[in-house]
Amino acid sequence: MKTSLLEGKKPAKFDKHIIGNLLLNVDTPDEVRKEKLLIGVRNEEGEIYRLIGATKHNSFMNAIEELFDLGLVDELQDSEGTSEGCDAIFSEAD
């Protein structure tokens, strides 16, 4: 899986836990967007600041499980399709 921070966006306080729990290769945003499945992560301001790209559905599901384990919520969990180019968007629970 690949990941990238988006320029000009502040990482969330919980970002270090994402890096610690997922095996991610850092790449450019353009390269991450080429992956088959995309996960966005929102910061406290509600902006997507990190993209995580997965080639295989299995890797995507493993990443989602880890993000849930960190106490994050997927705002697209109950919807069909994508939003803002992402298949899942995680943020802190309200």
PDB file of N, CA and C in Angstrom:
ATOM      1  N   MET A   1       0.841  -1.180   0.000  1.00  0.00           N
ATOM      2  CA  MET A   1       0.000   0.000   0.000  1.00  0.00           C
ATOM      3  C   MET A   1       0.882   1.237   0.000  1.00  0.00           C
ATOM      4  N   LYS A   2       0.365   2.263  -0.616  1.00  0.00           N
ATOM      5  CA  LYS A   2       1.089   3.532  -0.703  1.00  0.00           C
ATOM      6  C   LYS A   2       0.333   4.602   0.066  1.00  0.00           C
ATOM      7  N   THR A   3       1.074   5.610   0.529  1.00  0.00           N
ATOM      8  CA  THR A   3       0.436   6.727   1.215  1.00  0.00           C
ATOM      9  C   THR A   3       1.148   8.022   0.879  1.00  0.00           C
ATOM     10  N   SER A   4       0.420   9.111   1.058  1.00  0.00           N
ATOM     11  CA  SER A   4       0.995  10.427   0.850  1.00  0.00           C
ATOM     12  C   SER A   4       0.246  11.439   1.707  1.00  0.00           C
ATOM     13  N   LEU A   5       1.002  12.384   2.250  1.00  0.00           N
ATOM     14  CA  LEU A   5       0.387  13.538   2.891  1.00  0.00           C
ATOM     15  C   LEU A   5       0.064  14.537   1.793  1.00  0.00           C
ATOM     16  N   LEU A   6      -1.037  15.248   1.925  1.00  0.00           N
ATOM     17  CA  LEU A   6      -1.403  16.248   0.931  1.00  0.00           C
ATOM     18  C   LEU A   6      -0.837  17.598   1.340  1.00  0.00           C
ATOM     19  N   GLU A   7      -0.228  18.261   0.391  1.00  0.00           N
ATOM     20  CA  GLU A   7       0.445  19.528   0.640  1.00  0.00           C
ATOM     21  C   GLU A   7      -0.505  20.577   1.202  1.00  0.00           C
ATOM     22  N   GLY A   8      -0.038  21.276   2.214  1.00  0.00           N
ATOM     23  CA  GLY A   8      -0.810  22.365   2.787  1.00  0.00           C
ATOM     24  C   GLY A   8      -1.874  21.931   3.785  1.00  0.00           C
ATOM     25  N   LYS A   9      -1.963  20.628   4.057  1.00  0.00           N
ATOM     26  CA  LYS A   9      -2.952  20.118   5.015  1.00  0.00           C
ATOM     27  C   LYS A   9      -2.229  19.661   6.277  1.00  0.00           C
ATOM     28  N   LYS A  10      -2.801  20.009   7.416  1.00  0.00           N
ATOM     29  CA  LYS A  10      -2.193  19.666   8.696  1.00  0.00           C
ATOM     30  C   LYS A  10      -2.547  18.228   9.088  1.00  0.00           C
ATOM     31  N   PRO A  11      -1.542  17.383   9.389  1.00  0.00           N
ATOM     32  CA  PRO A  11      -1.840  16.015   9.832  1.00  0.00           C
ATOM     33  C   PRO A  11      -2.634  16.016  11.138  1.00  0.00           C
ATOM     34  N   ALA A  12      -3.491  15.036  11.282  1.00  0.00           N
ATOM     35  CA  ALA A  12      -4.292  14.890  12.498  1.00  0.00           C
ATOM     36  C   ALA A  12      -3.398  14.449  13.659  1.00  0.00           C
ATOM     37  N   LYS A  13      -3.882  14.701  14.874  1.00  0.00           N
ATOM     38  CA  LYS A  13      -3.119  14.311  16.066  1.00  0.00           C
ATOM     39  C   LYS A  13      -2.877  12.804  16.120  1.00  0.00           C
ATOM     40  N   PHE A  14      -3.805  12.030  15.561  1.00  0.00           N
ATOM     41  CA  PHE A  14      -3.695  10.567  15.613  1.00  0.00           C
ATOM     42  C   PHE A  14      -2.869   9.982  14.466  1.00  0.00           C
ATOM     43  N   ASP A  15      -2.277  10.836  13.626  1.00  0.00           N
ATOM     44  CA  ASP A  15      -1.581  10.356  12.428  1.00  0.00           C
ATOM     45  C   ASP A  15      -0.454   9.381  12.748  1.00  0.00           C
ATOM     46  N   LYS A  16       0.274   9.627  13.822  1.00  0.00           N
ATOM     47  CA  LYS A  16       1.409   8.744  14.157  1.00  0.00           C
ATOM     48  C   LYS A  16       0.941   7.309  14.400  1.00  0.00           C
ATOM     49  N   HIS A  17      -0.304   7.138  14.855  1.00  0.00           N
ATOM     50  CA  HIS A  17      -0.846   5.799  15.072  1.00  0.00           C
ATOM     51  C   HIS A  17      -1.117   5.097  13.742  1.00  0.00           C
ATOM     52  N   ILE A  18      -1.529   5.860  12.748  1.00  0.00           N
ATOM     53  CA  ILE A  18      -1.757   5.281  11.420  1.00  0.00           C
ATOM     54  C   ILE A  18      -0.439   4.755  10.872  1.00  0.00           C
ATOM     55  N   ILE A  19       0.591   5.576  10.952  1.00  0.00           N
ATOM     56  CA  ILE A  19       1.905   5.184  10.433  1.00  0.00           C
ATOM     57  C   ILE A  19       2.454   3.995  11.213  1.00  0.00           C
ATOM     58  N   GLY A  20       2.190   3.971  12.515  1.00  0.00           N
ATOM     59  CA  GLY A  20       2.691   2.888  13.351  1.00  0.00           C
ATOM     60  C   GLY A  20       1.969   1.568  13.130  1.00  0.00           C
ATOM     61  N   ASN A  21       0.699   1.612  12.733  1.00  0.00           N
ATOM     62  CA  ASN A  21      -0.105   0.387  12.636  1.00  0.00           C
ATOM     63  C   ASN A  21      -0.248  -0.167  11.225  1.00  0.00           C
ATOM     64  N   LEU A  22      -0.004   0.640  10.212  1.00  0.00           N
ATOM     65  CA  LEU A  22      -0.152   0.170   8.832  1.00  0.00           C
ATOM     66  C   LEU A  22       1.210   0.148   8.146  1.00  0.00           C
ATOM     67  N   LEU A  23       1.441  -0.869   7.349  1.00  0.00           N
ATOM     68  CA  LEU A  23       2.664  -0.937   6.562  1.00  0.00           C
ATOM     69  C   LEU A  23       2.442  -0.162   5.271  1.00  0.00           C
ATOM     70  N   LEU A  24       2.994   1.042   5.224  1.00  0.00           N
ATOM     71  CA  LEU A  24       2.744   1.934   4.099  1.00  0.00           C
ATOM     72  C   LEU A  24       4.056   2.391   3.484  1.00  0.00           C
ATOM     73  N   ASN A  25       4.063   2.490   2.168  1.00  0.00           N
ATOM     74  CA  ASN A  25       5.196   3.057   1.440  1.00  0.00           C
ATOM     75  C   ASN A  25       4.835   4.480   1.057  1.00  0.00           C
ATOM     76  N   VAL A  26       5.692   5.417   1.410  1.00  0.00           N
ATOM     77  CA  VAL A  26       5.432   6.821   1.098  1.00  0.00           C
ATOM     78  C   VAL A  26       5.692   7.065  -0.385  1.00  0.00           C
ATOM     79  N   ASP A  27       4.771   7.772  -1.028  1.00  0.00           N
ATOM     80  CA  ASP A  27       4.890   8.087  -2.452  1.00  0.00           C
ATOM     81  C   ASP A  27       4.267   9.454  -2.690  1.00  0.00           C
ATOM     82  N   THR A  28       4.215   9.880  -3.928  1.00  0.00           N
ATOM     83  CA  THR A  28       3.606  11.171  -4.256  1.00  0.00           C
ATOM     84  C   THR A  28       2.089  11.010  -4.296  1.00  0.00           C
ATOM     85  N   PRO A  29       1.340  12.102  -4.081  1.00  0.00           N
ATOM     86  CA  PRO A  29      -0.122  12.013  -4.182  1.00  0.00           C
ATOM     87  C   PRO A  29      -0.582  11.444  -5.527  1.00  0.00           C
ATOM     88  N   ASP A  30       0.077  11.832  -6.610  1.00  0.00           N
ATOM     89  CA  ASP A  30      -0.315  11.341  -7.934  1.00  0.00           C
ATOM     90  C   ASP A  30      -0.155   9.831  -8.048  1.00  0.00           C
ATOM     91  N   GLU A  31       0.939   9.295  -7.490  1.00  0.00           N
ATOM     92  CA  GLU A  31       1.162   7.847  -7.533  1.00  0.00           C
ATOM     93  C   GLU A  31       0.148   7.105  -6.666  1.00  0.00           C
ATOM     94  N   VAL A  32      -0.161   7.667  -5.500  1.00  0.00           N
ATOM     95  CA  VAL A  32      -1.143   7.034  -4.613  1.00  0.00           C
ATOM     96  C   VAL A  32      -2.510   7.004  -5.286  1.00  0.00           C
ATOM     97  N   ARG A  33      -2.875   8.077  -5.977  1.00  0.00           N
ATOM     98  CA  ARG A  33      -4.185   8.141  -6.655  1.00  0.00           C
ATOM     99  C   ARG A  33      -4.318   7.120  -7.784  1.00  0.00           C
ATOM    100  N   LYS A  34      -3.202   6.569  -8.271  1.00  0.00           N
ATOM    101  CA  LYS A  34      -3.246   5.557  -9.336  1.00  0.00           C
ATOM    102  C   LYS A  34      -3.643   4.184  -8.801  1.00  0.00           C
ATOM    103  N   GLU A  35      -3.619   4.007  -7.481  1.00  0.00           N
ATOM    104  CA  GLU A  35      -3.975   2.714  -6.898  1.00  0.00           C
ATOM    105  C   GLU A  35      -5.462   2.440  -7.116  1.00  0.00           C
ATOM    106  N   LYS A  36      -5.841   1.168  -7.081  1.00  0.00           N
ATOM    107  CA  LYS A  36      -7.210   0.754  -7.381  1.00  0.00           C
ATOM    108  C   LYS A  36      -8.210   1.280  -6.350  1.00  0.00           C
ATOM    109  N   LEU A  37      -7.844   1.245  -5.075  1.00  0.00           N
ATOM    110  CA  LEU A  37      -8.745   1.655  -3.995  1.00  0.00           C
ATOM    111  C   LEU A  37      -8.082   2.733  -3.150  1.00  0.00           C
ATOM    112  N   LEU A  38      -8.833   3.777  -2.827  1.00  0.00           N
ATOM    113  CA  LEU A  38      -8.281   4.914  -2.086  1.00  0.00           C
ATOM    114  C   LEU A  38      -9.008   5.133  -0.765  1.00  0.00           C
ATOM    115  N   ILE A  39      -8.207   5.381   0.260  1.00  0.00           N
ATOM    116  CA  ILE A  39      -8.738   5.753   1.576  1.00  0.00           C
ATOM    117  C   ILE A  39      -8.249   7.162   1.872  1.00  0.00           C
ATOM    118  N   GLY A  40      -9.160   8.032   2.252  1.00  0.00           N
ATOM    119  CA  GLY A  40      -8.799   9.374   2.696  1.00  0.00           C
ATOM    120  C   GLY A  40      -8.880   9.436   4.215  1.00  0.00           C
ATOM    121  N   VAL A  41      -8.030  10.274   4.818  1.00  0.00           N
ATOM    122  CA  VAL A  41      -8.070  10.469   6.268  1.00  0.00           C
ATOM    123  C   VAL A  41      -8.228  11.963   6.528  1.00  0.00           C
ATOM    124  N   ARG A  42      -9.226  12.311   7.329  1.00  0.00           N
ATOM    125  CA  ARG A  42      -9.494  13.720   7.645  1.00  0.00           C
ATOM    126  C   ARG A  42      -8.799  14.135   8.936  1.00  0.00           C
ATOM    127  N   ASN A  43      -8.366  15.406   8.958  1.00  0.00           N
ATOM    128  CA  ASN A  43      -7.799  15.989  10.178  1.00  0.00           C
ATOM    129  C   ASN A  43      -8.917  16.636  10.996  1.00  0.00           C
ATOM    130  N   GLU A  44      -8.551  17.267  12.087  1.00  0.00           N
ATOM    131  CA  GLU A  44      -9.538  17.880  12.977  1.00  0.00           C
ATOM    132  C   GLU A  44     -10.304  19.025  12.307  1.00  0.00           C
ATOM    133  N   GLU A  45      -9.755  19.598  11.252  1.00  0.00           N
ATOM    134  CA  GLU A  45     -10.434  20.676  10.514  1.00  0.00           C
ATOM    135  C   GLU A  45     -11.399  20.130   9.464  1.00  0.00           C
ATOM    136  N   GLY A  46     -11.456  18.803   9.345  1.00  0.00           N
ATOM    137  CA  GLY A  46     -12.360  18.195   8.374  1.00  0.00           C
ATOM    138  C   GLY A  46     -11.786  18.093   6.965  1.00  0.00           C
ATOM    139  N   GLU A  47     -10.483  18.340   6.820  1.00  0.00           N
ATOM    140  CA  GLU A  47      -9.835  18.264   5.502  1.00  0.00           C
ATOM    141  C   GLU A  47      -9.166  16.900   5.344  1.00  0.00           C
ATOM    142  N   ILE A  48      -9.262  16.345   4.146  1.00  0.00           N
ATOM    143  CA  ILE A  48      -8.498  15.134   3.867  1.00  0.00           C
ATOM    144  C   ILE A  48      -7.031  15.547   3.745  1.00  0.00           C
ATOM    145  N   TYR A  49      -6.209  14.984   4.621  1.00  0.00           N
ATOM    146  CA  TYR A  49      -4.783  15.348   4.637  1.00  0.00           C
ATOM    147  C   TYR A  49      -3.884  14.189   4.224  1.00  0.00           C
ATOM    148  N   ARG A  50      -4.395  12.972   4.277  1.00  0.00           N
ATOM    149  CA  ARG A  50      -3.601  11.796   3.919  1.00  0.00           C
ATOM    150  C   ARG A  50      -4.418  10.902   2.994  1.00  0.00           C
ATOM    151  N   LEU A  51      -3.738  10.372   1.972  1.00  0.00           N
ATOM    152  CA  LEU A  51      -4.330   9.364   1.099  1.00  0.00           C
ATOM    153  C   LEU A  51      -3.599   8.047   1.305  1.00  0.00           C
ATOM    154  N   ILE A  52      -4.351   6.968   1.318  1.00  0.00           N
ATOM    155  CA  ILE A  52      -3.777   5.629   1.374  1.00  0.00           C
ATOM    156  C   ILE A  52      -4.341   4.878   0.181  1.00  0.00           C
ATOM    157  N   GLY A  53      -3.462   4.322  -0.624  1.00  0.00           N
ATOM    158  CA  GLY A  53      -3.888   3.601  -1.817  1.00  0.00           C
ATOM    159  C   GLY A  53      -3.560   2.127  -1.715  1.00  0.00           C
ATOM    160  N   ALA A  54      -4.513   1.296  -2.111  1.00  0.00           N
ATOM    161  CA  ALA A  54      -4.330  -0.158  -2.089  1.00  0.00           C
ATOM    162  C   ALA A  54      -4.600  -0.724  -3.476  1.00  0.00           C
ATOM    163  N   THR A  55      -3.755  -1.664  -3.891  1.00  0.00           N
ATOM    164  CA  THR A  55      -3.930  -2.317  -5.180  1.00  0.00           C
ATOM    165  C   THR A  55      -4.940  -3.450  -5.067  1.00  0.00           C
ATOM    166  N   LYS A  56      -4.873  -4.192  -3.956  1.00  0.00           N
ATOM    167  CA  LYS A  56      -5.736  -5.366  -3.785  1.00  0.00           C
ATOM    168  C   LYS A  56      -6.832  -5.084  -2.769  1.00  0.00           C
ATOM    169  N   HIS A  57      -7.997  -5.676  -2.994  1.00  0.00           N
ATOM    170  CA  HIS A  57      -9.135  -5.508  -2.088  1.00  0.00           C
ATOM    171  C   HIS A  57      -8.782  -6.005  -0.687  1.00  0.00           C
ATOM    172  N   ASN A  58      -8.002  -7.076  -0.607  1.00  0.00           N
ATOM    173  CA  ASN A  58      -7.587  -7.635   0.677  1.00  0.00           C
ATOM    174  C   ASN A  58      -6.781  -6.611   1.490  1.00  0.00           C
ATOM    175  N   SER A  59      -5.844  -5.941   0.842  1.00  0.00           N
ATOM    176  CA  SER A  59      -5.034  -4.906   1.509  1.00  0.00           C
ATOM    177  C   SER A  59      -5.915  -3.752   1.970  1.00  0.00           C
ATOM    178  N   PHE A  60      -6.852  -3.361   1.122  1.00  0.00           N
ATOM    179  CA  PHE A  60      -7.797  -2.293   1.436  1.00  0.00           C
ATOM    180  C   PHE A  60      -8.597  -2.647   2.692  1.00  0.00           C
ATOM    181  N   MET A  61      -9.116  -3.876   2.749  1.00  0.00           N
ATOM    182  CA  MET A  61      -9.914  -4.307   3.901  1.00  0.00           C
ATOM    183  C   MET A  61      -9.065  -4.379   5.165  1.00  0.00           C
ATOM    184  N   ASN A  62      -7.818  -4.818   5.043  1.00  0.00           N
ATOM    185  CA  ASN A  62      -6.914  -4.854   6.204  1.00  0.00           C
ATOM    186  C   ASN A  62      -6.667  -3.446   6.731  1.00  0.00           C
ATOM    187  N   ALA A  63      -6.467  -2.492   5.832  1.00  0.00           N
ATOM    188  CA  ALA A  63      -6.245  -1.098   6.240  1.00  0.00           C
ATOM    189  C   ALA A  63      -7.477  -0.552   6.944  1.00  0.00           C
ATOM    190  N   ILE A  64      -8.648  -0.834   6.406  1.00  0.00           N
ATOM    191  CA  ILE A  64      -9.893  -0.369   7.011  1.00  0.00           C
ATOM    192  C   ILE A  64     -10.049  -0.940   8.424  1.00  0.00           C
ATOM    193  N   GLU A  65      -9.750  -2.224   8.568  1.00  0.00           N
ATOM    194  CA  GLU A  65      -9.850  -2.861   9.883  1.00  0.00           C
ATOM    195  C   GLU A  65      -8.910  -2.186  10.892  1.00  0.00           C
ATOM    196  N   GLU A  66      -7.693  -1.892  10.462  1.00  0.00           N
ATOM    197  CA  GLU A  66      -6.733  -1.214  11.355  1.00  0.00           C
ATOM    198  C   GLU A  66      -7.233   0.177  11.742  1.00  0.00           C
ATOM    199  N   LEU A  67      -7.810   0.902  10.798  1.00  0.00           N
ATOM    200  CA  LEU A  67      -8.306   2.249  11.087  1.00  0.00           C
ATOM    201  C   LEU A  67      -9.491   2.198  12.053  1.00  0.00           C
ATOM    202  N   PHE A  68     -10.355   1.209  11.876  1.00  0.00           N
ATOM    203  CA  PHE A  68     -11.453   1.022  12.839  1.00  0.00           C
ATOM    204  C   PHE A  68     -10.887   0.706  14.224  1.00  0.00           C
ATOM    205  N   ASP A  69      -9.844  -0.136  14.268  1.00  0.00           N
ATOM    206  CA  ASP A  69      -9.219  -0.503  15.545  1.00  0.00           C
ATOM    207  C   ASP A  69      -8.634   0.711  16.258  1.00  0.00           C
ATOM    208  N   LEU A  70      -8.272   1.736  15.501  1.00  0.00           N
ATOM    209  CA  LEU A  70      -7.747   2.976  16.087  1.00  0.00           C
ATOM    210  C   LEU A  70      -8.875   3.879  16.597  1.00  0.00           C
ATOM    211  N   GLY A  71     -10.118   3.433  16.430  1.00  0.00           N
ATOM    212  CA  GLY A  71     -11.255   4.216  16.909  1.00  0.00           C
ATOM    213  C   GLY A  71     -11.766   5.230  15.904  1.00  0.00           C
ATOM    214  N   LEU A  72     -11.304   5.130  14.656  1.00  0.00           N
ATOM    215  CA  LEU A  72     -11.757   6.057  13.622  1.00  0.00           C
ATOM    216  C   LEU A  72     -13.036   5.527  12.987  1.00  0.00           C
ATOM    217  N   VAL A  73     -13.786   6.428  12.363  1.00  0.00           N
ATOM    218  CA  VAL A  73     -15.030   6.043  11.700  1.00  0.00           C
ATOM    219  C   VAL A  73     -14.934   6.329  10.204  1.00  0.00           C
ATOM    220  N   ASP A  74     -15.600   5.481   9.417  1.00  0.00           N
ATOM    221  CA  ASP A  74     -15.632   5.641   7.964  1.00  0.00           C
ATOM    222  C   ASP A  74     -16.945   6.307   7.587  1.00  0.00           C
ATOM    223  N   GLU A  75     -16.863   7.544   7.126  1.00  0.00           N
ATOM    224  CA  GLU A  75     -18.099   8.271   6.805  1.00  0.00           C
ATOM    225  C   GLU A  75     -18.807   7.708   5.578  1.00  0.00           C
ATOM    226  N   LEU A  76     -18.139   6.862   4.806  1.00  0.00           N
ATOM    227  CA  LEU A  76     -18.749   6.270   3.617  1.00  0.00           C
ATOM    228  C   LEU A  76     -19.221   4.835   3.863  1.00  0.00           C
ATOM    229  N   GLN A  77     -19.162   4.384   5.099  1.00  0.00           N
ATOM    230  CA  GLN A  77     -19.479   2.997   5.432  1.00  0.00           C
ATOM    231  C   GLN A  77     -20.861   2.576   4.944  1.00  0.00           C
ATOM    232  N   ASP A  78     -21.845   3.443   5.085  1.00  0.00           N
ATOM    233  CA  ASP A  78     -23.213   3.088   4.725  1.00  0.00           C
ATOM    234  C   ASP A  78     -23.652   3.643   3.374  1.00  0.00           C
ATOM    235  N   SER A  79     -22.686   4.081   2.566  1.00  0.00           N
ATOM    236  CA  SER A  79     -23.063   4.635   1.268  1.00  0.00           C
ATOM    237  C   SER A  79     -22.458   3.816   0.138  1.00  0.00           C
ATOM    238  N   GLU A  80     -23.092   3.898  -0.996  1.00  0.00           N
ATOM    239  CA  GLU A  80     -22.586   3.235  -2.201  1.00  0.00           C
ATOM    240  C   GLU A  80     -21.718   4.239  -2.965  1.00  0.00           C
ATOM    241  N   GLY A  81     -20.644   3.773  -3.538  1.00  0.00           N
ATOM    242  CA  GLY A  81     -19.818   4.643  -4.366  1.00  0.00           C
ATOM    243  C   GLY A  81     -18.754   5.382  -3.586  1.00  0.00           C
ATOM    244  N   THR A  82     -18.207   6.394  -4.241  1.00  0.00           N
ATOM    245  CA  THR A  82     -17.071   7.123  -3.690  1.00  0.00           C
ATOM    246  C   THR A  82     -17.457   8.559  -3.365  1.00  0.00           C
ATOM    247  N   SER A  83     -16.571   9.232  -2.624  1.00  0.00           N
ATOM    248  CA  SER A  83     -16.733  10.649  -2.326  1.00  0.00           C
ATOM    249  C   SER A  83     -15.354  11.276  -2.335  1.00  0.00           C
ATOM    250  N   GLU A  84     -15.237  12.421  -2.963  1.00  0.00           N
ATOM    251  CA  GLU A  84     -13.955  13.124  -3.064  1.00  0.00           C
ATOM    252  C   GLU A  84     -12.862  12.210  -3.615  1.00  0.00           C
ATOM    253  N   GLY A  85     -13.262  11.274  -4.475  1.00  0.00           N
ATOM    254  CA  GLY A  85     -12.315  10.360  -5.109  1.00  0.00           C
ATOM    255  C   GLY A  85     -11.881   9.199  -4.233  1.00  0.00           C
ATOM    256  N   CYS A  86     -12.468   9.060  -3.039  1.00  0.00           N
ATOM    257  CA  CYS A  86     -12.069   8.019  -2.096  1.00  0.00           C
ATOM    258  C   CYS A  86     -13.153   6.954  -1.947  1.00  0.00           C
ATOM    259  N   ASP A  87     -12.701   5.733  -1.733  1.00  0.00           N
ATOM    260  CA  ASP A  87     -13.616   4.612  -1.481  1.00  0.00           C
ATOM    261  C   ASP A  87     -14.000   4.524  -0.012  1.00  0.00           C
ATOM    262  N   ALA A  88     -13.185   5.129   0.859  1.00  0.00           N
ATOM    263  CA  ALA A  88     -13.460   5.218   2.295  1.00  0.00           C
ATOM    264  C   ALA A  88     -12.817   6.518   2.792  1.00  0.00           C
ATOM    265  N   ILE A  89     -13.464   7.178   3.746  1.00  0.00           N
ATOM    266  CA  ILE A  89     -12.886   8.387   4.343  1.00  0.00           C
ATOM    267  C   ILE A  89     -13.008   8.260   5.858  1.00  0.00           C
ATOM    268  N   PHE A  90     -11.865   8.235   6.518  1.00  0.00           N
ATOM    269  CA  PHE A  90     -11.828   8.046   7.965  1.00  0.00           C
ATOM    270  C   PHE A  90     -11.545   9.346   8.700  1.00  0.00           C
ATOM    271  N   SER A  91     -12.165   9.474   9.867  1.00  0.00           N
ATOM    272  CA  SER A  91     -11.914  10.609  10.747  1.00  0.00           C
ATOM    273  C   SER A  91     -12.233  10.170  12.171  1.00  0.00           C
ATOM    274  N   GLU A  92     -11.925  11.068  13.126  1.00  0.00           N
ATOM    275  CA  GLU A  92     -12.255  10.781  14.516  1.00  0.00           C
ATOM    276  C   GLU A  92     -13.751  10.809  14.698  1.00  0.00           C
ATOM    277  N   ALA A  93     -14.245   9.967  15.595  1.00  0.00           N
ATOM    278  CA  ALA A  93     -15.680   9.984  15.914  1.00  0.00           C
ATOM    279  C   ALA A  93     -16.014  11.288  16.618  1.00  0.00           C
ATOM    280  N   ASP A  94     -17.196  11.796  16.374  1.00  0.00           N
ATOM    281  CA  ASP A  94     -17.621  13.049  17.006  1.00  0.00           C
ATOM    282  C   ASP A  94     -17.820  12.870  18.489  1.00  0.00           C
TER     283      ASP A  94
END
